[in-house]
């Protein structure tokens, strides 16, 4: 399926935590939106592969996303090598997104920065005619690759108002019942399962929102300058 926007995450829930509000806004505007999870999050302390699949499916239903796929790369151990690049290139060519949104350029979890570099490079190579893939072997390069902001603070290059869809964003996050604070789920405490972690997500959105005069927002970074044709684009 041809998509307008494709969100990538190193793990299931990366996209929900970081840019699901923006995807929901664009979905409301009639855009075709998809999510690609690179791994199944199998190294996560809480839950397992099956529960993560079920939670990702539930979250996808809440958001109404058009396409969601998992590339099955090894959690914690994927590398930016030819084989992995070709897998990512193939899924980019399959869905031909105009915009890709992916992991933070650097972050607390090493998979996040690795994923950012992998997807940035694959997005470029996908546009080269002489790079061959087994399927969907038609060159395609997205117009933009944006990086969302995760645990570590990065000064955003632009900020998106997500106020109208904020509650749905939080519902999509909370679909990952094994991963975040939930009185009904037993398991060892982790960095993200503490009650304060979801409060952090809410407060980060409030801080970005305050900077542009709205209630909630998400911030993004881009390596490529963004051009506008008229000042109306700023209104």
C-alpha atoms as a PDB file:
ATOM      1  CA  UNK A   1       0.000   0.000   0.000  1.00  0.00           C
ATOM      2  CA  UNK A   2       1.253   3.471  -0.907  1.00  0.00           C
ATOM      3  CA  UNK A   3       1.539   5.468   2.316  1.00  0.00           C
ATOM      4  CA  UNK A   4       1.898   9.172   2.941  1.00  0.00           C
ATOM      5  CA  UNK A   5       3.733   8.752   6.246  1.00  0.00           C
ATOM      6  CA  UNK A   6       5.641   5.771   7.648  1.00  0.00           C
ATOM      7  CA  UNK A   7       6.705   5.681  11.301  1.00  0.00           C
ATOM      8  CA  UNK A   8       9.596   3.432  12.287  1.00  0.00           C
ATOM      9  CA  UNK A   9      10.426   2.210  15.795  1.00  0.00           C
ATOM     10  CA  UNK A  10      13.240   0.030  17.048  1.00  0.00           C
ATOM     11  CA  UNK A  11      10.722  -1.606  19.403  1.00  0.00           C
ATOM     12  CA  UNK A  12       6.938  -1.912  19.572  1.00  0.00           C
ATOM     13  CA  UNK A  13       5.774   1.141  21.589  1.00  0.00           C
ATOM     14  CA  UNK A  14       8.587   3.495  20.407  1.00  0.00           C
ATOM     15  CA  UNK A  15       6.250   5.128  17.910  1.00  0.00           C
ATOM     16  CA  UNK A  16       3.337   5.337  20.339  1.00  0.00           C
ATOM     17  CA  UNK A  17       5.460   7.020  22.993  1.00  0.00           C
ATOM     18  CA  UNK A  18       7.115   9.514  20.694  1.00  0.00           C
ATOM     19  CA  UNK A  19       5.121  10.431  17.585  1.00  0.00           C
ATOM     20  CA  UNK A  20       1.715   8.735  17.698  1.00  0.00           C
ATOM     21  CA  UNK A  21       0.003  12.068  18.249  1.00  0.00           C
ATOM     22  CA  UNK A  22       1.426  13.398  15.000  1.00  0.00           C
ATOM     23  CA  UNK A  23       0.437  10.228  13.137  1.00  0.00           C
ATOM     24  CA  UNK A  24      -3.083  10.528  14.558  1.00  0.00           C
ATOM     25  CA  UNK A  25      -3.356  14.167  13.446  1.00  0.00           C
ATOM     26  CA  UNK A  26      -2.271  13.255   9.924  1.00  0.00           C
ATOM     27  CA  UNK A  27      -4.634  10.285   9.884  1.00  0.00           C
ATOM     28  CA  UNK A  28      -7.500  12.647  10.744  1.00  0.00           C
ATOM     29  CA  UNK A  29      -6.458  14.773   7.772  1.00  0.00           C
ATOM     30  CA  UNK A  30      -7.013  11.801   5.483  1.00  0.00           C
ATOM     31  CA  UNK A  31      -3.400  10.676   5.118  1.00  0.00           C
ATOM     32  CA  UNK A  32      -2.415   7.013   4.764  1.00  0.00           C
ATOM     33  CA  UNK A  33      -0.220   6.164   7.733  1.00  0.00           C
ATOM     34  CA  UNK A  34       1.794   3.076   8.674  1.00  0.00           C
ATOM     35  CA  UNK A  35       4.158   1.788  11.362  1.00  0.00           C
ATOM     36  CA  UNK A  36       7.150  -0.526  10.998  1.00  0.00           C
ATOM     37  CA  UNK A  37       8.626  -2.078  14.153  1.00  0.00           C
ATOM     38  CA  UNK A  38      12.189  -3.250  13.574  1.00  0.00           C
ATOM     39  CA  UNK A  39      12.221  -5.807  16.421  1.00  0.00           C
ATOM     40  CA  UNK A  40       9.690  -7.638  18.580  1.00  0.00           C
ATOM     41  CA  UNK A  41      11.180  -6.232  21.780  1.00  0.00           C
ATOM     42  CA  UNK A  42      12.078  -9.737  22.890  1.00  0.00           C
ATOM     43  CA  UNK A  43      14.773  -8.560  25.310  1.00  0.00           C
ATOM     44  CA  UNK A  44      12.309  -6.511  27.330  1.00  0.00           C
ATOM     45  CA  UNK A  45      12.233  -7.467  31.025  1.00  0.00           C
ATOM     46  CA  UNK A  46       8.445  -7.487  31.200  1.00  0.00           C
ATOM     47  CA  UNK A  47       6.097  -9.391  28.920  1.00  0.00           C
ATOM     48  CA  UNK A  48       7.189 -11.572  26.017  1.00  0.00           C
ATOM     49  CA  UNK A  49       7.023 -11.686  22.231  1.00  0.00           C
ATOM     50  CA  UNK A  50       3.411 -12.866  22.182  1.00  0.00           C
ATOM     51  CA  UNK A  51       2.156 -10.227  24.624  1.00  0.00           C
ATOM     52  CA  UNK A  52       4.061  -7.529  22.747  1.00  0.00           C
ATOM     53  CA  UNK A  53       2.396  -8.630  19.500  1.00  0.00           C
ATOM     54  CA  UNK A  54      -1.027  -8.534  21.109  1.00  0.00           C
ATOM     55  CA  UNK A  55      -0.355  -5.122  22.624  1.00  0.00           C
ATOM     56  CA  UNK A  56       0.923  -3.716  19.327  1.00  0.00           C
ATOM     57  CA  UNK A  57      -2.216  -5.004  17.620  1.00  0.00           C
ATOM     58  CA  UNK A  58      -4.431  -3.399  20.260  1.00  0.00           C
ATOM     59  CA  UNK A  59      -2.586  -0.112  19.989  1.00  0.00           C
ATOM     60  CA  UNK A  60      -2.818  -0.184  16.195  1.00  0.00           C
ATOM     61  CA  UNK A  61      -6.588  -0.641  16.469  1.00  0.00           C
ATOM     62  CA  UNK A  62      -6.898   2.323  18.821  1.00  0.00           C
ATOM     63  CA  UNK A  63      -4.985   4.548  16.407  1.00  0.00           C
ATOM     64  CA  UNK A  64      -6.656   3.221  13.263  1.00  0.00           C
ATOM     65  CA  UNK A  65      -3.323   2.838  11.496  1.00  0.00           C
ATOM     66  CA  UNK A  66      -3.524   1.602   7.891  1.00  0.00           C
ATOM     67  CA  UNK A  67      -0.508  -0.741   7.973  1.00  0.00           C
ATOM     68  CA  UNK A  68       1.708  -2.198  10.703  1.00  0.00           C
ATOM     69  CA  UNK A  69       4.527  -4.663  10.107  1.00  0.00           C
ATOM     70  CA  UNK A  70       7.414  -6.093  12.113  1.00  0.00           C
ATOM     71  CA  UNK A  71      10.750  -6.783  10.410  1.00  0.00           C
ATOM     72  CA  UNK A  72      11.817  -9.285  13.075  1.00  0.00           C
ATOM     73  CA  UNK A  73      15.329  -7.917  13.511  1.00  0.00           C
ATOM     74  CA  UNK A  74      17.151  -9.129  16.656  1.00  0.00           C
ATOM     75  CA  UNK A  75      16.376  -6.870  19.604  1.00  0.00           C
ATOM     76  CA  UNK A  76      19.593  -5.344  20.936  1.00  0.00           C
ATOM     77  CA  UNK A  77      21.758  -6.980  18.283  1.00  0.00           C
ATOM     78  CA  UNK A  78      20.641  -5.640  14.896  1.00  0.00           C
ATOM     79  CA  UNK A  79      23.369  -3.945  12.911  1.00  0.00           C
ATOM     80  CA  UNK A  80      23.612  -1.422  10.113  1.00  0.00           C
ATOM     81  CA  UNK A  81      24.923  -3.950   7.596  1.00  0.00           C
ATOM     82  CA  UNK A  82      23.980  -4.759   4.004  1.00  0.00           C
ATOM     83  CA  UNK A  83      21.473  -7.490   4.852  1.00  0.00           C
ATOM     84  CA  UNK A  84      19.613  -5.314   7.352  1.00  0.00           C
ATOM     85  CA  UNK A  85      19.702  -2.249   5.118  1.00  0.00           C
ATOM     86  CA  UNK A  86      18.147  -4.226   2.280  1.00  0.00           C
ATOM     87  CA  UNK A  87      15.282  -5.343   4.547  1.00  0.00           C
ATOM     88  CA  UNK A  88      14.531  -1.741   5.444  1.00  0.00           C
ATOM     89  CA  UNK A  89      14.958  -0.556   1.849  1.00  0.00           C
ATOM     90  CA  UNK A  90      12.492  -3.193   0.677  1.00  0.00           C
ATOM     91  CA  UNK A  91       9.788  -2.073   3.102  1.00  0.00           C
ATOM     92  CA  UNK A  92      10.358   1.585   2.149  1.00  0.00           C
ATOM     93  CA  UNK A  93       9.984   0.719  -1.533  1.00  0.00           C
ATOM     94  CA  UNK A  94       6.928  -1.396  -0.751  1.00  0.00           C
ATOM     95  CA  UNK A  95       5.040   1.484   0.881  1.00  0.00           C
ATOM     96  CA  UNK A  96       6.646   4.473  -0.900  1.00  0.00           C
ATOM     97  CA  UNK A  97       6.148   6.978   1.941  1.00  0.00           C
ATOM     98  CA  UNK A  98       6.611  10.678   1.273  1.00  0.00           C
ATOM     99  CA  UNK A  99       7.657  11.181   4.900  1.00  0.00           C
ATOM    100  CA  UNK A 100       9.442   8.830   7.282  1.00  0.00           C
ATOM    101  CA  UNK A 101       9.468   9.452  11.045  1.00  0.00           C
ATOM    102  CA  UNK A 102      11.930   7.372  13.050  1.00  0.00           C
ATOM    103  CA  UNK A 103      13.907   6.998  16.260  1.00  0.00           C
ATOM    104  CA  UNK A 104      15.873   9.688  18.049  1.00  0.00           C
ATOM    105  CA  UNK A 105      19.352  10.338  16.659  1.00  0.00           C
ATOM    106  CA  UNK A 106      20.788   9.512  20.094  1.00  0.00           C
ATOM    107  CA  UNK A 107      19.141   8.254  23.251  1.00  0.00           C
ATOM    108  CA  UNK A 108      19.441   6.280  26.483  1.00  0.00           C
ATOM    109  CA  UNK A 109      18.697   2.966  24.732  1.00  0.00           C
ATOM    110  CA  UNK A 110      21.443   2.159  22.181  1.00  0.00           C
ATOM    111  CA  UNK A 111      18.918   0.580  19.782  1.00  0.00           C
ATOM    112  CA  UNK A 112      17.287   3.970  19.273  1.00  0.00           C
ATOM    113  CA  UNK A 113      20.340   5.719  17.874  1.00  0.00           C
ATOM    114  CA  UNK A 114      21.234   2.619  15.834  1.00  0.00           C
ATOM    115  CA  UNK A 115      17.756   2.560  14.332  1.00  0.00           C
ATOM    116  CA  UNK A 116      17.944   6.262  13.479  1.00  0.00           C
ATOM    117  CA  UNK A 117      21.163   5.795  11.512  1.00  0.00           C
ATOM    118  CA  UNK A 118      19.917   2.615   9.864  1.00  0.00           C
ATOM    119  CA  UNK A 119      16.688   4.176   8.627  1.00  0.00           C
ATOM    120  CA  UNK A 120      18.348   7.429   7.544  1.00  0.00           C
ATOM    121  CA  UNK A 121      20.854   5.483   5.424  1.00  0.00           C
ATOM    122  CA  UNK A 122      18.257   3.063   4.051  1.00  0.00           C
ATOM    123  CA  UNK A 123      16.041   5.990   3.042  1.00  0.00           C
ATOM    124  CA  UNK A 124      18.841   7.364   0.885  1.00  0.00           C
ATOM    125  CA  UNK A 125      19.924   4.037  -0.606  1.00  0.00           C
ATOM    126  CA  UNK A 126      16.298   3.204  -1.414  1.00  0.00           C
ATOM    127  CA  UNK A 127      16.410   5.929  -4.054  1.00  0.00           C
ATOM    128  CA  UNK A 128      19.376   4.459  -5.936  1.00  0.00           C
ATOM    129  CA  UNK A 129      18.431   2.621  -9.124  1.00  0.00           C
ATOM    130  CA  UNK A 130      21.330   0.171  -8.861  1.00  0.00           C
ATOM    131  CA  UNK A 131      20.415  -1.025  -5.372  1.00  0.00           C
ATOM    132  CA  UNK A 132      18.462  -4.220  -5.995  1.00  0.00           C
ATOM    133  CA  UNK A 133      15.940  -5.820  -3.669  1.00  0.00           C
ATOM    134  CA  UNK A 134      14.249  -9.204  -4.045  1.00  0.00           C
ATOM    135  CA  UNK A 135      10.772  -7.668  -4.043  1.00  0.00           C
ATOM    136  CA  UNK A 136       9.448  -4.168  -4.715  1.00  0.00           C
ATOM    137  CA  UNK A 137      12.579  -3.447  -6.728  1.00  0.00           C
ATOM    138  CA  UNK A 138      11.607   0.081  -7.769  1.00  0.00           C
ATOM    139  CA  UNK A 139      13.734   2.937  -6.457  1.00  0.00           C
ATOM    140  CA  UNK A 140      11.957   5.260  -4.013  1.00  0.00           C
ATOM    141  CA  UNK A 141      13.288   7.997  -1.764  1.00  0.00           C
ATOM    142  CA  UNK A 142      11.073   9.803   0.791  1.00  0.00           C
ATOM    143  CA  UNK A 143      11.015  13.584   0.633  1.00  0.00           C
ATOM    144  CA  UNK A 144      11.830  13.885   4.345  1.00  0.00           C
ATOM    145  CA  UNK A 145      13.162  11.791   7.216  1.00  0.00           C
ATOM    146  CA  UNK A 146      12.265  13.209  10.627  1.00  0.00           C
ATOM    147  CA  UNK A 147      13.482  11.949  14.008  1.00  0.00           C
ATOM    148  CA  UNK A 148      11.242  11.977  17.052  1.00  0.00           C
ATOM    149  CA  UNK A 149      12.528  12.747  20.542  1.00  0.00           C
ATOM    150  CA  UNK A 150      12.616   9.952  23.116  1.00  0.00           C
ATOM    151  CA  UNK A 151      14.022   9.730  26.622  1.00  0.00           C
ATOM    152  CA  UNK A 152      16.991  12.081  26.270  1.00  0.00           C
ATOM    153  CA  UNK A 153      16.089  15.691  25.606  1.00  0.00           C
ATOM    154  CA  UNK A 154      16.995  16.986  22.156  1.00  0.00           C
ATOM    155  CA  UNK A 155      16.163  20.531  21.108  1.00  0.00           C
ATOM    156  CA  UNK A 156      13.410  20.182  18.472  1.00  0.00           C
ATOM    157  CA  UNK A 157      13.632  21.773  15.042  1.00  0.00           C
ATOM    158  CA  UNK A 158       9.847  21.869  14.799  1.00  0.00           C
ATOM    159  CA  UNK A 159       6.892  21.077  17.060  1.00  0.00           C
ATOM    160  CA  UNK A 160       3.481  19.629  16.167  1.00  0.00           C
ATOM    161  CA  UNK A 161       0.257  20.422  18.050  1.00  0.00           C
ATOM    162  CA  UNK A 162      -1.345  17.123  19.115  1.00  0.00           C
ATOM    163  CA  UNK A 163      -3.882  18.525  21.565  1.00  0.00           C
ATOM    164  CA  UNK A 164      -6.990  17.186  19.733  1.00  0.00           C
ATOM    165  CA  UNK A 165      -5.673  13.598  19.813  1.00  0.00           C
ATOM    166  CA  UNK A 166      -3.685  13.551  23.056  1.00  0.00           C
ATOM    167  CA  UNK A 167      -6.097  11.254  24.935  1.00  0.00           C
ATOM    168  CA  UNK A 168      -6.022   8.746  22.081  1.00  0.00           C
ATOM    169  CA  UNK A 169      -2.216   8.869  22.079  1.00  0.00           C
ATOM    170  CA  UNK A 170      -2.185   7.983  25.774  1.00  0.00           C
ATOM    171  CA  UNK A 171      -4.714   5.179  25.215  1.00  0.00           C
ATOM    172  CA  UNK A 172      -2.456   3.740  22.506  1.00  0.00           C
ATOM    173  CA  UNK A 173       0.520   3.825  24.901  1.00  0.00           C
ATOM    174  CA  UNK A 174      -1.439   2.198  27.719  1.00  0.00           C
ATOM    175  CA  UNK A 175      -2.366  -0.678  25.384  1.00  0.00           C
ATOM    176  CA  UNK A 176       1.114  -1.977  26.239  1.00  0.00           C
ATOM    177  CA  UNK A 177      -0.134  -3.230  29.571  1.00  0.00           C
ATOM    178  CA  UNK A 178       2.915  -5.319  30.410  1.00  0.00           C
ATOM    179  CA  UNK A 179       5.374  -2.504  29.749  1.00  0.00           C
ATOM    180  CA  UNK A 180       4.009   0.467  31.676  1.00  0.00           C
ATOM    181  CA  UNK A 181       2.577   0.992  35.132  1.00  0.00           C
ATOM    182  CA  UNK A 182      -0.507  -1.138  35.579  1.00  0.00           C
ATOM    183  CA  UNK A 183      -1.799  -2.313  38.972  1.00  0.00           C
ATOM    184  CA  UNK A 184      -3.263  -5.434  37.346  1.00  0.00           C
ATOM    185  CA  UNK A 185       0.036  -6.655  35.868  1.00  0.00           C
ATOM    186  CA  UNK A 186       2.717  -8.226  38.029  1.00  0.00           C
ATOM    187  CA  UNK A 187       6.368  -8.139  37.096  1.00  0.00           C
ATOM    188  CA  UNK A 188       9.755  -6.670  38.012  1.00  0.00           C
ATOM    189  CA  UNK A 189       9.962  -2.911  38.091  1.00  0.00           C
ATOM    190  CA  UNK A 190      11.784  -1.375  35.140  1.00  0.00           C
ATOM    191  CA  UNK A 191      12.771   2.116  34.085  1.00  0.00           C
ATOM    192  CA  UNK A 192       9.571   2.526  32.059  1.00  0.00           C
ATOM    193  CA  UNK A 193       7.162   0.619  34.327  1.00  0.00           C
ATOM    194  CA  UNK A 194       7.433   3.120  37.179  1.00  0.00           C
ATOM    195  CA  UNK A 195       4.364   5.377  37.565  1.00  0.00           C
ATOM    196  CA  UNK A 196       6.512   8.442  36.973  1.00  0.00           C
ATOM    197  CA  UNK A 197       7.461   7.400  33.453  1.00  0.00           C
ATOM    198  CA  UNK A 198       4.020   8.022  31.958  1.00  0.00           C
ATOM    199  CA  UNK A 199       3.894  11.292  33.892  1.00  0.00           C
ATOM    200  CA  UNK A 200       7.147  12.197  32.141  1.00  0.00           C
ATOM    201  CA  UNK A 201       5.542  11.514  28.737  1.00  0.00           C
ATOM    202  CA  UNK A 202       2.591  13.749  29.606  1.00  0.00           C
ATOM    203  CA  UNK A 203       4.837  16.511  30.932  1.00  0.00           C
ATOM    204  CA  UNK A 204       7.136  16.386  27.894  1.00  0.00           C
ATOM    205  CA  UNK A 205       4.105  16.914  25.659  1.00  0.00           C
ATOM    206  CA  UNK A 206       2.974  19.782  27.883  1.00  0.00           C
ATOM    207  CA  UNK A 207       6.394  21.431  27.706  1.00  0.00           C
ATOM    208  CA  UNK A 208       6.492  21.221  23.912  1.00  0.00           C
ATOM    209  CA  UNK A 209       2.896  22.452  23.812  1.00  0.00           C
ATOM    210  CA  UNK A 210       3.704  25.469  25.962  1.00  0.00           C
ATOM    211  CA  UNK A 211       6.445  26.482  23.557  1.00  0.00           C
ATOM    212  CA  UNK A 212       3.951  26.889  20.708  1.00  0.00           C
ATOM    213  CA  UNK A 213       0.973  28.069  22.752  1.00  0.00           C
ATOM    214  CA  UNK A 214      -1.055  24.842  22.818  1.00  0.00           C
ATOM    215  CA  UNK A 215      -1.793  22.243  25.469  1.00  0.00           C
ATOM    216  CA  UNK A 216       0.097  19.218  24.109  1.00  0.00           C
ATOM    217  CA  UNK A 217       2.679  18.765  21.351  1.00  0.00           C
ATOM    218  CA  UNK A 218       5.468  16.535  20.005  1.00  0.00           C
ATOM    219  CA  UNK A 219       8.916  17.661  18.896  1.00  0.00           C
ATOM    220  CA  UNK A 220      11.026  16.523  15.945  1.00  0.00           C
ATOM    221  CA  UNK A 221      14.530  16.867  14.547  1.00  0.00           C
ATOM    222  CA  UNK A 222      15.538  16.927  10.886  1.00  0.00           C
ATOM    223  CA  UNK A 223      18.923  16.735   9.178  1.00  0.00           C
ATOM    224  CA  UNK A 224      17.443  18.341   6.062  1.00  0.00           C
ATOM    225  CA  UNK A 225      16.244  21.938   5.963  1.00  0.00           C
ATOM    226  CA  UNK A 226      12.503  22.377   5.516  1.00  0.00           C
ATOM    227  CA  UNK A 227      11.451  24.827   2.821  1.00  0.00           C
ATOM    228  CA  UNK A 228       8.071  26.554   2.462  1.00  0.00           C
ATOM    229  CA  UNK A 229       6.529  28.182  -0.603  1.00  0.00           C
ATOM    230  CA  UNK A 230       4.560  30.886   1.205  1.00  0.00           C
ATOM    231  CA  UNK A 231       4.285  32.241   4.721  1.00  0.00           C
ATOM    232  CA  UNK A 232       0.767  30.764   4.858  1.00  0.00           C
ATOM    233  CA  UNK A 233       2.468  27.460   5.693  1.00  0.00           C
ATOM    234  CA  UNK A 234       3.409  29.003   9.062  1.00  0.00           C
ATOM    235  CA  UNK A 235      -0.160  29.831  10.064  1.00  0.00           C
END
